[in-house]
Amino acid sequence: MHFALWLLFAITTTCCKIQNPLLHSNNSNHPMPVETTTIVVLGASGDLAFKKTYPALFGLYANNYLPQNVQIVGYARSAIALADFQSRVSSKIKTDQPEKLEAFLKVCTYVSGKYDDAKSFQQLHYFIVGLEESTVANAPEGPGVFAEAKRTRVFYMALPPSVFIPASAGLRENVYVEGGSNRLVVEKPFGKDLDSCIQLGKALAANWKEEEIYRIDHYLGKEMVKSLMVLRFANVFFGAIWDRTHINNVQITFKEKFGTDGRGGYFDDFGIIRDIMQNHLLQVLTIIAMERPVSLEAEDIRNEKVKVLRAIKPLKLDDTVLGQYAASADKKEPGYLDDPTVPHGSVTPTYAAAVFRVNNARWEGVPFILKCGKALDESKVDIRIQFNNVPGNIYPNTVRNELVIRLQPKEAVYMKFENKEPGLSTETHTTELDLSYEKRYQNAKIPDAYESLILACLKGDKSNFVRDDELEAAWKIFTPLLHKIEGEKIQPDLYQYGSRGPARASDFVKNLGFVRDDGYKWAPHNTPKM
């Protein structure tokens, strides 16, 4: 009897806790919190924002990758009418979807203000709150309660480094959303040397948590760079040969056909080493050289990259070749010093080649050669991994195998190897296993690097962003060299506009073990008739 009464009580109590979905639906008195996302583009009137940031945001918007209730707020010192601002934004976007562009521009607004003025940032904050309130009240899923909204604010600083610190402090003090999600995207350069990097890091850390800071290096968003880890760690045959036993040397090359084109004043403050090698190319090196992370979590990946950087000793002048372009042979293209924006007598390098040694068990003795330059014979970025000679080779006149990863243009991965000439010939020739993206993935759209990284930021994925200790480790490698070059005004070798670079660079690479195959061309080979 007692058991029956207890059972009846238990059933009654349980039933009372079961809610009728008709009486307690999300559409009645307790709607789901509305999620709002506001992307603030600081420096919105500048070239970087118009040429890169806004086109990337449109690419995400057009393909439905931005959050449903997104608002994009431009912020800069220039006083620009909204219609004029939207016209400038649209002028840099190429699309065959005019209705998508029109809809995109409707979520793009603009606020004028200073980067070191609390009142300006407070006005920005109130403007954003107004957008958020409107979004919550007019949400497609039904009006919500603003106090319960889940608010995300992304602050993209497309700014000159001189205003990084005051702008980041002003955002934190006046525009930060308490109880919501805040992300600060910082563009390079991250300082000019180790001391300035540490100073910037401390200034950011005083107001922002490390997990809120997204230091963007757009090379980490490039399709082929993101493919490197898959290539390495998802293919057993590459894993088996990825070490000093099989690899002789690694080259990472960045070439531009054009010079400074009137932007020499800005370039001269940094030079090619800071502009390209210390960040873009060094990031690629770390991915090539890193050990397999224990997982694909951001911190596991970045831990392995930092280990690589810590295994590299600081560069010395003897580890480098420095160059500066002079006028072209026909004098149609001016030299670097002919640019009126370049200081008279500048010794800033426009070309640099340097050798890096990763001092660990996998890579001891393998030179990593990084090369970058302006006003060269072509524009391309590639990775060339050259393997050792075949031990006891029984075939004469063969060349080394190479794995080439072309980052841009015309993304591709190809392996150079030896094969027998078809037919009755017994001769060998060099051919390739070729994965050209434009042929293999004809219908695939390769996103812009900025699209990839902005989307990763919105998702909270930091695996392709640079960590604070990673930056410091990188600057430790370069700072002594940079101080010597600038302190002693080291004269760079001159090279002609449109050439391959300084003449000394070829011997530099050759002395490090690279064997150039001038006879190889990607073309059908003639076969003797039978």
Protein backbone atom coordinates (compact mmCIF):
# COMPACT_ATOMS: atom_id res chain seq x y z
CA MET A 1 0.00 0.00 0.00
CA HIS A 2 2.78 2.40 0.94
CA PHE A 3 4.66 1.50 -2.24
CA ALA A 4 1.55 2.18 -4.38
CA LEU A 5 1.09 5.60 -2.77
CA TRP A 6 4.76 6.43 -3.33
CA LEU A 7 4.58 5.35 -6.98
CA LEU A 8 1.46 7.47 -7.55
CA PHE A 9 3.23 10.49 -5.99
CA ALA A 10 6.33 10.00 -8.16
CA ILE A 11 4.33 9.72 -11.38
CA THR A 12 2.27 12.80 -10.52
CA THR A 13 5.37 14.84 -9.71
CA THR A 14 7.15 13.82 -12.91
CA CYS A 15 4.12 14.60 -15.06
CA CYS A 16 3.85 18.03 -13.52
CA LYS A 17 7.42 18.77 -14.64
CA ILE A 18 6.71 17.90 -18.28
CA GLN A 19 5.92 21.14 -20.11
CA ASN A 20 3.30 21.33 -22.79
CA PRO A 21 5.15 22.47 -25.91
CA LEU A 22 2.12 24.47 -27.00
CA LEU A 23 2.19 26.44 -23.76
CA HIS A 24 5.97 26.84 -23.53
CA SER A 25 7.14 27.26 -27.10
CA ASN A 26 10.04 29.50 -28.07
CA ASN A 27 7.60 31.75 -29.90
CA SER A 28 5.56 32.74 -26.82
CA ASN A 29 6.69 34.62 -23.75
CA HIS A 30 10.26 33.26 -23.81
CA PRO A 31 11.69 33.60 -27.33
CA MET A 32 15.20 32.41 -28.08
CA PRO A 33 17.77 35.21 -27.66
CA VAL A 34 18.46 37.04 -30.90
CA GLU A 35 22.08 36.89 -32.05
CA THR A 36 23.60 40.08 -33.45
CA THR A 37 26.96 40.44 -35.18
CA THR A 38 28.54 43.83 -35.85
CA ILE A 39 31.75 44.04 -37.85
CA VAL A 40 33.48 47.40 -37.38
CA VAL A 41 36.08 48.19 -40.05
CA LEU A 42 38.46 50.81 -38.66
CA GLY A 43 40.35 52.66 -41.37
CA ALA A 44 37.34 52.16 -43.63
CA SER A 45 38.33 55.01 -45.96
CA GLY A 46 41.77 53.54 -46.68
CA ASP A 47 43.08 51.40 -49.53
CA LEU A 48 43.30 48.19 -47.52
CA ALA A 49 39.64 48.39 -46.53
CA PHE A 50 38.37 49.22 -50.02
CA LYS A 51 40.61 46.81 -51.91
CA LYS A 52 40.66 43.84 -49.53
CA THR A 53 38.38 44.00 -46.47
CA TYR A 54 35.09 45.03 -48.07
CA PRO A 55 35.44 42.80 -51.16
CA ALA A 56 36.16 39.88 -48.81
CA LEU A 57 33.12 40.70 -46.69
CA PHE A 58 30.98 40.87 -49.82
CA GLY A 59 32.31 37.49 -50.97
CA LEU A 60 31.21 35.97 -47.66
CA TYR A 61 27.87 37.78 -47.79
CA ALA A 62 27.13 36.73 -51.37
CA ASN A 63 27.76 33.09 -50.50
CA ASN A 64 25.69 33.25 -47.27
CA TYR A 65 28.65 32.81 -44.93
CA LEU A 66 28.02 35.92 -42.85
CA PRO A 67 25.68 35.67 -39.86
CA GLN A 68 22.01 36.34 -40.59
CA ASN A 69 21.77 39.56 -38.60
CA VAL A 70 25.13 41.05 -39.55
CA GLN A 71 25.82 44.78 -39.67
CA ILE A 72 29.05 46.25 -41.08
CA VAL A 73 30.11 49.64 -39.76
CA GLY A 74 32.92 51.59 -41.38
CA TYR A 75 34.85 53.94 -39.10
CA ALA A 76 37.50 56.46 -40.15
CA ARG A 77 38.54 60.07 -39.68
CA SER A 78 37.30 61.19 -43.10
CA ALA A 79 33.91 62.88 -43.22
CA ILE A 80 32.11 60.95 -45.97
CA ALA A 81 28.40 60.89 -46.76
CA LEU A 82 26.94 57.39 -46.53
CA ALA A 83 25.93 57.32 -50.21
CA ASP A 84 29.45 58.34 -51.26
CA PHE A 85 30.98 55.74 -48.96
CA GLN A 86 28.78 52.96 -50.31
CA SER A 87 29.62 54.05 -53.85
CA ARG A 88 33.35 53.75 -53.09
CA VAL A 89 32.83 50.32 -51.52
CA SER A 90 30.90 49.05 -54.54
CA SER A 91 33.50 50.44 -56.98
CA LYS A 92 36.05 47.86 -55.78
CA ILE A 93 33.71 44.86 -55.88
CA LYS A 94 33.43 42.82 -59.07
CA THR A 95 30.27 40.76 -59.23
CA ASP A 96 27.62 39.48 -61.62
CA GLN A 97 25.05 39.56 -58.81
CA PRO A 98 23.88 43.18 -58.62
CA GLU A 99 20.96 42.30 -56.34
CA LYS A 100 23.40 40.74 -53.83
CA LEU A 101 25.57 43.84 -53.96
CA GLU A 102 22.58 46.09 -53.38
CA ALA A 103 21.55 44.03 -50.35
CA PHE A 104 25.14 44.04 -49.05
CA LEU A 105 25.39 47.81 -49.24
CA LYS A 106 22.24 48.10 -47.11
CA VAL A 107 24.06 46.52 -44.15
CA CYS A 108 27.13 48.77 -44.69
CA THR A 109 27.05 52.02 -42.72
CA TYR A 110 29.67 54.61 -41.84
CA VAL A 111 30.68 56.67 -38.81
CA SER A 112 33.34 59.37 -38.81
CA GLY A 113 35.58 59.77 -35.77
CA LYS A 114 39.10 59.98 -34.39
CA TYR A 115 41.28 57.09 -33.23
CA ASP A 116 42.50 58.74 -30.04
CA ASP A 117 39.32 60.41 -28.82
CA ALA A 118 37.00 58.85 -26.24
CA LYS A 119 34.00 60.91 -27.36
CA SER A 120 34.36 59.66 -30.94
CA PHE A 121 34.40 56.05 -29.77
CA GLN A 122 31.40 56.64 -27.50
CA GLN A 123 29.46 57.95 -30.50
CA LEU A 124 30.48 54.79 -32.37
CA HIS A 125 29.25 52.69 -29.46
CA TYR A 126 25.85 54.39 -29.38
CA PHE A 127 25.55 54.00 -33.15
CA ILE A 128 26.24 50.26 -32.86
CA VAL A 129 23.76 49.90 -29.99
CA GLY A 130 21.11 51.52 -32.20
CA LEU A 131 21.82 48.99 -34.96
CA GLU A 132 21.70 46.11 -32.47
CA GLU A 133 18.40 47.29 -30.98
CA SER A 134 16.89 47.58 -34.46
CA THR A 135 18.17 44.11 -35.35
CA VAL A 136 16.65 42.57 -32.24
CA ALA A 137 13.32 44.34 -32.75
CA ASN A 138 13.10 43.32 -36.41
CA ALA A 139 14.71 39.90 -36.28
CA PRO A 140 13.35 37.47 -38.93
CA GLU A 141 12.75 34.90 -36.21
CA GLY A 142 10.58 37.38 -34.34
CA PRO A 143 11.22 40.38 -32.08
CA GLY A 144 13.44 39.60 -29.12
CA VAL A 145 14.41 41.15 -25.82
CA PHE A 146 17.48 43.37 -26.26
CA ALA A 147 18.81 42.69 -22.78
CA GLU A 148 18.88 38.97 -23.60
CA ALA A 149 20.48 39.33 -27.05
CA LYS A 150 23.74 37.53 -27.78
CA ARG A 151 25.91 40.30 -29.14
CA THR A 152 29.18 39.83 -31.06
CA ARG A 153 31.40 42.70 -32.11
CA VAL A 154 34.39 42.22 -34.41
CA PHE A 155 36.79 45.17 -34.63
CA TYR A 156 38.89 44.94 -37.79
CA MET A 157 41.80 47.39 -37.55
CA ALA A 158 42.79 48.15 -41.16
CA LEU A 159 44.95 50.92 -39.77
CA PRO A 160 48.53 52.23 -39.93
CA PRO A 161 50.61 50.87 -37.03
CA SER A 162 51.01 54.36 -35.54
CA VAL A 163 47.41 54.28 -34.26
CA PHE A 164 47.17 50.59 -33.23
CA ILE A 165 47.65 51.30 -29.54
CA PRO A 166 45.31 54.31 -29.05
CA ALA A 167 42.63 52.76 -31.26
CA SER A 168 42.68 49.40 -29.47
CA ALA A 169 42.55 51.14 -26.08
CA GLY A 170 39.68 53.41 -27.16
CA LEU A 171 37.70 50.43 -28.45
CA ARG A 172 38.17 48.50 -25.22
CA GLU A 173 37.21 51.41 -22.99
CA ASN A 174 34.23 52.67 -24.97
CA VAL A 175 32.90 50.14 -27.52
CA TYR A 176 33.51 46.79 -25.83
CA VAL A 177 30.29 44.85 -25.25
CA GLU A 178 30.18 43.49 -21.72
CA GLY A 179 28.68 40.04 -21.49
CA GLY A 180 29.02 39.54 -25.22
CA SER A 181 31.75 38.35 -27.57
CA ASN A 182 34.50 40.75 -28.69
CA ARG A 183 37.26 40.12 -31.24
CA LEU A 184 40.07 42.47 -32.25
CA VAL A 185 41.63 41.84 -35.67
CA VAL A 186 45.08 43.40 -36.05
CA GLU A 187 46.82 43.75 -39.42
CA LYS A 188 50.60 43.57 -39.83
CA PRO A 189 53.12 45.02 -39.25
CA PHE A 190 53.34 43.83 -35.66
CA GLY A 191 56.19 46.15 -34.76
CA LYS A 192 59.50 46.81 -36.54
CA ASP A 193 61.77 44.75 -34.30
CA LEU A 194 61.66 42.71 -31.11
CA ASP A 195 61.39 45.69 -28.75
CA SER A 196 58.55 47.38 -30.66
CA CYS A 197 56.77 44.03 -30.97
CA ILE A 198 56.95 43.51 -27.21
CA GLN A 199 55.74 47.09 -26.62
CA LEU A 200 52.75 46.56 -28.93
CA GLY A 201 52.01 43.22 -27.31
CA LYS A 202 51.98 44.72 -23.82
CA ALA A 203 49.74 47.59 -24.95
CA LEU A 204 47.21 45.18 -26.46
CA ALA A 205 47.40 42.81 -23.48
CA ALA A 206 46.61 45.70 -21.12
CA ASN A 207 43.11 45.93 -22.58
CA TRP A 208 42.43 42.70 -24.46
CA LYS A 209 42.70 39.03 -23.62
CA GLU A 210 44.95 36.97 -25.88
CA GLU A 211 41.96 34.84 -26.93
CA GLU A 212 40.24 38.03 -28.18
CA ILE A 213 43.16 39.14 -30.40
CA TYR A 214 43.36 37.90 -33.99
CA ARG A 215 46.68 38.90 -35.60
CA ILE A 216 46.11 38.49 -39.29
CA ASP A 217 48.75 37.40 -41.80
CA HIS A 218 46.81 36.96 -45.02
CA TYR A 219 49.22 34.32 -46.32
CA LEU A 220 47.82 31.94 -43.72
CA GLY A 221 44.46 32.29 -45.45
CA LYS A 222 45.73 31.35 -48.91
CA GLU A 223 44.29 28.14 -50.29
CA MET A 224 47.63 26.42 -50.93
CA VAL A 225 49.08 27.40 -47.55
CA LYS A 226 46.02 25.94 -45.85
CA SER A 227 46.54 22.78 -47.92
CA LEU A 228 50.10 22.28 -46.67
CA MET A 229 49.10 20.50 -43.49
CA VAL A 230 46.77 18.16 -45.38
CA LEU A 231 49.49 17.44 -47.92
CA ARG A 232 51.98 16.64 -45.18
CA PHE A 233 49.96 14.83 -42.57
CA ALA A 234 47.20 13.09 -44.57
CA ASN A 235 49.51 11.34 -47.07
CA VAL A 236 51.67 8.53 -45.78
CA PHE A 237 54.22 8.70 -48.61
CA PHE A 238 55.04 12.35 -47.91
CA GLY A 239 55.30 11.68 -44.18
CA ALA A 240 57.88 8.97 -44.82
CA ILE A 241 60.28 11.20 -46.80
CA TRP A 242 59.80 14.54 -45.04
CA ASP A 243 63.19 14.83 -43.32
CA ARG A 244 66.92 15.43 -43.75
CA THR A 245 67.52 11.87 -44.95
CA HIS A 246 65.59 12.53 -48.16
CA ILE A 247 65.34 16.32 -48.57
CA ASN A 248 68.39 18.32 -49.65
CA ASN A 249 67.05 21.88 -49.52
CA VAL A 250 63.81 23.87 -49.38
CA GLN A 251 63.20 27.16 -51.20
CA ILE A 252 60.30 29.52 -50.61
CA THR A 253 60.20 32.23 -53.25
CA PHE A 254 58.16 35.43 -53.56
CA LYS A 255 58.52 37.47 -56.76
CA GLU A 256 56.79 40.64 -57.94
CA LYS A 257 57.16 42.08 -61.45
CA PHE A 258 56.44 45.64 -60.33
CA GLY A 259 58.34 48.07 -58.15
CA THR A 260 57.10 50.48 -55.50
CA ASP A 261 55.11 52.51 -58.06
CA GLY A 262 55.03 55.74 -56.07
CA ARG A 263 54.59 54.04 -52.68
CA GLY A 264 58.30 54.01 -51.96
CA GLY A 265 57.96 56.33 -48.99
CA TYR A 266 55.84 53.79 -47.11
CA PHE A 267 57.91 50.82 -48.28
CA ASP A 268 61.19 52.47 -47.30
CA ASP A 269 60.16 52.52 -43.64
CA PHE A 270 59.95 48.71 -43.64
CA GLY A 271 61.85 47.16 -46.55
CA ILE A 272 61.36 43.78 -48.16
CA ILE A 273 62.51 41.77 -45.12
CA ARG A 274 59.87 43.20 -42.79
CA ASP A 275 57.24 43.45 -45.52
CA ILE A 276 57.46 39.87 -46.84
CA MET A 277 60.10 37.62 -45.33
CA GLN A 278 59.66 38.09 -41.57
CA ASN A 279 55.95 37.30 -41.72
CA HIS A 280 54.55 35.71 -44.91
CA LEU A 281 57.47 33.50 -45.90
CA LEU A 282 58.48 32.62 -42.35
CA GLN A 283 54.92 31.46 -41.63
CA VAL A 284 55.09 29.13 -44.63
CA LEU A 285 58.44 27.81 -43.39
CA THR A 286 56.99 26.91 -40.00
CA ILE A 287 54.20 24.86 -41.58
CA ILE A 288 56.64 22.99 -43.81
CA ALA A 289 59.03 22.26 -40.94
CA MET A 290 56.65 21.68 -38.00
CA GLU A 291 56.01 18.33 -36.37
CA ARG A 292 52.55 16.81 -36.57
CA PRO A 293 50.33 18.47 -33.93
CA VAL A 294 48.43 16.24 -31.54
CA SER A 295 45.16 17.66 -32.89
CA LEU A 296 43.79 20.31 -35.22
CA GLU A 297 43.02 22.62 -32.30
CA ALA A 298 44.50 26.08 -32.79
CA GLU A 299 46.82 25.95 -29.80
CA ASP A 300 48.22 22.54 -30.75
CA ILE A 301 49.05 23.78 -34.25
CA ARG A 302 50.58 27.03 -33.04
CA ASN A 303 52.62 25.24 -30.38
CA GLU A 304 54.39 23.25 -33.09
CA LYS A 305 55.04 26.36 -35.18
CA VAL A 306 56.62 28.11 -32.22
CA LYS A 307 58.93 25.12 -31.64
CA VAL A 308 60.24 25.54 -35.20
CA LEU A 309 60.94 29.24 -34.68
CA ARG A 310 62.75 28.60 -31.42
CA ALA A 311 64.98 26.08 -33.22
CA ILE A 312 66.24 28.76 -35.66
CA LYS A 313 69.24 30.88 -34.67
CA PRO A 314 69.23 34.65 -35.35
CA LEU A 315 70.26 35.57 -38.89
CA LYS A 316 73.68 37.03 -39.63
CA LEU A 317 74.65 39.19 -42.57
CA ASP A 318 76.63 36.30 -44.07
CA ASP A 319 73.36 34.33 -44.20
CA THR A 320 71.86 36.80 -46.66
CA VAL A 321 72.05 38.48 -50.05
CA LEU A 322 70.53 41.96 -50.19
CA GLY A 323 69.57 43.80 -53.37
CA GLN A 324 67.97 46.99 -54.63
CA TYR A 325 66.54 47.38 -58.13
CA ALA A 326 67.97 49.88 -60.58
CA ALA A 327 66.40 51.04 -63.85
CA SER A 328 65.57 48.45 -66.50
CA ALA A 329 68.02 47.80 -69.31
CA ASP A 330 65.95 49.89 -71.73
CA LYS A 331 65.45 52.61 -69.08
CA LYS A 332 61.68 52.41 -69.49
CA GLU A 333 61.22 51.31 -65.89
CA PRO A 334 62.76 53.52 -63.20
CA GLY A 335 65.00 52.32 -60.39
CA TYR A 336 64.02 52.35 -56.73
CA LEU A 337 65.94 55.55 -56.05
CA ASP A 338 64.19 57.21 -59.01
CA ASP A 339 60.89 57.02 -57.11
CA PRO A 340 60.36 60.60 -55.82
CA THR A 341 58.79 59.25 -52.62
CA VAL A 342 61.97 57.33 -51.70
CA PRO A 343 64.50 59.19 -49.49
CA HIS A 344 67.66 60.22 -51.33
CA GLY A 345 70.44 57.66 -51.04
CA SER A 346 68.25 55.03 -49.37
CA VAL A 347 69.91 51.64 -48.83
CA THR A 348 66.63 49.85 -48.07
CA PRO A 349 66.66 46.39 -49.72
CA THR A 350 63.99 45.60 -52.30
CA TYR A 351 65.34 42.05 -52.60
CA ALA A 352 66.53 39.60 -49.95
CA ALA A 353 67.62 35.98 -49.90
CA ALA A 354 68.41 34.30 -46.59
CA VAL A 355 69.19 30.82 -45.33
CA PHE A 356 67.56 29.46 -42.18
CA ARG A 357 68.72 26.40 -40.25
CA VAL A 358 66.18 24.48 -38.19
CA ASN A 359 68.31 22.87 -35.52
CA ASN A 360 66.40 19.73 -34.63
CA ALA A 361 66.58 16.01 -35.37
CA ARG A 362 64.36 16.20 -38.44
CA TRP A 363 66.02 19.10 -40.25
CA GLU A 364 69.65 19.37 -39.14
CA GLY A 365 71.77 20.19 -42.19
CA VAL A 366 68.85 21.11 -44.49
CA PRO A 367 68.95 24.75 -45.63
CA PHE A 368 65.63 26.58 -45.83
CA ILE A 369 66.19 29.36 -48.37
CA LEU A 370 63.74 32.26 -48.39
CA LYS A 371 63.83 34.69 -51.32
CA CYS A 372 61.68 37.75 -51.98
CA GLY A 373 61.95 40.74 -54.23
CA LYS A 374 60.30 43.49 -56.23
CA ALA A 375 60.78 44.47 -59.90
CA LEU A 376 61.79 40.94 -60.90
CA ASP A 377 61.23 38.93 -64.08
CA GLU A 378 57.85 37.47 -63.07
CA SER A 379 55.22 37.45 -60.33
CA LYS A 380 54.84 34.20 -58.46
CA VAL A 381 55.04 32.57 -55.04
CA ASP A 382 56.10 28.96 -54.74
CA ILE A 383 57.69 26.35 -52.49
CA ARG A 384 60.36 24.12 -54.06
CA ILE A 385 61.43 21.06 -52.07
CA GLN A 386 64.45 19.46 -53.70
CA PHE A 387 65.31 15.89 -52.75
CA ASN A 388 68.72 14.25 -52.48
CA ASN A 389 70.49 12.48 -55.31
CA VAL A 390 69.67 8.80 -55.81
CA PRO A 391 72.38 6.81 -53.97
CA GLY A 392 74.32 4.60 -56.38
CA ASN A 393 72.33 5.91 -59.34
CA ILE A 394 72.73 3.63 -62.38
CA TYR A 395 71.12 6.08 -64.83
CA PRO A 396 73.30 8.89 -66.16
CA ASN A 397 72.12 12.46 -66.69
CA THR A 398 69.19 12.31 -64.30
CA VAL A 399 68.17 15.24 -62.13
CA ARG A 400 66.87 15.50 -58.60
CA ASN A 401 63.23 14.96 -57.75
CA GLU A 402 61.38 18.11 -56.71
CA LEU A 403 58.02 18.74 -55.08
CA VAL A 404 56.77 22.16 -56.16
CA ILE A 405 53.81 23.86 -54.52
CA ARG A 406 52.69 26.94 -56.43
CA LEU A 407 50.84 29.32 -54.10
CA GLN A 408 50.05 31.90 -56.77
CA PRO A 409 49.17 32.44 -59.53
CA LYS A 410 47.53 29.28 -60.93
CA GLU A 411 47.63 27.19 -57.79
CA ALA A 412 49.20 23.78 -58.30
CA VAL A 413 51.16 20.92 -56.76
CA TYR A 414 53.50 18.97 -59.00
CA MET A 415 56.27 16.42 -58.51
CA LYS A 416 59.21 16.37 -60.92
CA PHE A 417 60.56 12.87 -61.47
CA GLU A 418 62.48 10.78 -63.98
CA ASN A 419 60.80 8.50 -66.50
CA LYS A 420 61.82 6.53 -69.61
CA GLU A 421 61.17 8.14 -72.95
CA PRO A 422 58.22 6.28 -74.53
CA GLY A 423 58.98 3.90 -77.37
CA LEU A 424 62.22 2.14 -78.26
CA SER A 425 64.40 4.83 -76.71
CA THR A 426 66.21 3.94 -73.50
CA GLU A 427 66.81 7.57 -72.58
CA THR A 428 65.35 9.09 -69.41
CA HIS A 429 63.66 12.43 -69.25
CA THR A 430 62.17 14.66 -66.57
CA THR A 431 58.40 14.80 -66.38
CA GLU A 432 55.82 15.57 -63.70
CA LEU A 433 52.84 14.37 -61.75
CA ASP A 434 50.71 17.49 -61.92
CA LEU A 435 47.78 18.68 -59.83
CA SER A 436 46.83 22.00 -61.39
CA TYR A 437 43.81 23.41 -59.62
CA GLU A 438 42.33 25.12 -62.65
CA LYS A 439 42.21 21.74 -64.44
CA ARG A 440 41.34 19.41 -61.56
CA TYR A 441 38.84 21.70 -59.81
CA GLN A 442 37.31 23.52 -62.75
CA ASN A 443 34.08 24.49 -61.02
CA ALA A 444 35.60 25.32 -57.66
CA LYS A 445 35.90 28.92 -56.50
CA ILE A 446 39.08 29.53 -54.55
CA PRO A 447 38.24 32.16 -51.94
CA ASP A 448 40.35 35.20 -51.31
CA ALA A 449 42.67 34.80 -48.32
CA TYR A 450 40.87 37.57 -46.46
CA GLU A 451 37.55 35.80 -46.92
CA SER A 452 38.96 32.68 -45.31
CA LEU A 453 40.46 34.53 -42.37
CA ILE A 454 37.45 36.75 -41.66
CA LEU A 455 35.23 33.67 -41.68
CA ALA A 456 37.62 31.90 -39.31
CA CYS A 457 37.51 34.91 -37.00
CA LEU A 458 33.71 34.89 -36.97
CA LYS A 459 33.83 31.19 -36.07
CA GLY A 460 36.40 31.80 -33.32
CA ASP A 461 38.99 29.59 -35.05
CA LYS A 462 42.47 30.96 -34.32
CA SER A 463 44.55 28.23 -35.97
CA ASN A 464 45.48 30.52 -38.89
CA PHE A 465 46.24 33.59 -36.79
CA VAL A 466 49.54 34.52 -35.17
CA ARG A 467 50.04 34.10 -31.41
CA ASP A 468 52.00 36.57 -29.25
CA ASP A 469 54.91 34.24 -28.44
CA GLU A 470 55.08 33.25 -32.10
CA LEU A 471 55.67 36.89 -33.01
CA GLU A 472 58.40 37.33 -30.43
CA ALA A 473 60.18 34.18 -31.58
CA ALA A 474 60.08 35.43 -35.19
CA TRP A 475 61.46 38.85 -34.31
CA LYS A 476 64.33 37.28 -32.35
CA ILE A 477 65.50 35.70 -35.60
CA PHE A 478 65.47 38.95 -37.60
CA THR A 479 66.16 41.82 -35.19
CA PRO A 480 69.98 41.53 -34.97
CA LEU A 481 70.24 41.44 -38.78
CA LEU A 482 67.88 44.39 -39.27
CA HIS A 483 69.73 46.51 -36.70
CA LYS A 484 73.06 45.75 -38.40
CA ILE A 485 71.72 46.58 -41.89
CA GLU A 486 70.23 49.88 -40.74
CA GLY A 487 72.88 50.82 -38.20
CA GLU A 488 75.80 50.27 -40.57
CA LYS A 489 73.86 51.27 -43.72
CA ILE A 490 74.82 48.08 -45.54
CA GLN A 491 74.83 48.72 -49.30
CA PRO A 492 72.60 46.29 -51.24
CA ASP A 493 73.68 44.78 -54.57
CA LEU A 494 72.06 46.48 -57.55
CA TYR A 495 70.00 44.50 -60.04
CA GLN A 496 68.12 45.58 -63.15
CA TYR A 497 64.36 46.04 -63.11
CA GLY A 498 62.89 42.92 -64.74
CA SER A 499 65.83 40.63 -64.00
CA ARG A 500 66.03 37.56 -61.73
CA GLY A 501 67.61 39.61 -58.96
CA PRO A 502 71.19 40.25 -57.84
CA ALA A 503 73.79 38.17 -59.70
CA ARG A 504 75.25 37.00 -56.37
CA ALA A 505 71.93 35.36 -55.40
CA SER A 506 72.39 32.48 -57.87
CA ASP A 507 75.78 31.55 -56.42
CA PHE A 508 74.38 31.94 -52.91
CA VAL A 509 71.66 29.36 -53.57
CA LYS A 510 74.05 27.06 -55.48
CA ASN A 511 76.53 27.06 -52.61
CA LEU A 512 73.75 25.94 -50.28
CA GLY A 513 73.25 22.79 -52.34
CA PHE A 514 70.49 23.69 -54.78
CA VAL A 515 70.99 22.17 -58.25
CA ARG A 516 69.17 24.05 -60.98
CA ASP A 517 67.75 22.10 -63.94
CA ASP A 518 67.72 24.59 -66.83
CA GLY A 519 66.63 21.94 -69.33
CA TYR A 520 63.29 21.14 -67.71
CA LYS A 521 60.23 22.62 -69.35
CA TRP A 522 56.64 21.60 -68.96
CA ALA A 523 55.95 20.56 -72.58
CA PRO A 524 55.45 17.39 -74.66
CA HIS A 525 58.72 15.58 -75.35
CA ASN A 526 59.71 14.40 -78.81
CA THR A 527 59.93 10.63 -79.10
CA PRO A 528 62.00 8.84 -81.76
CA LYS A 529 59.93 7.15 -84.46
CA MET A 530 59.82 3.35 -84.37
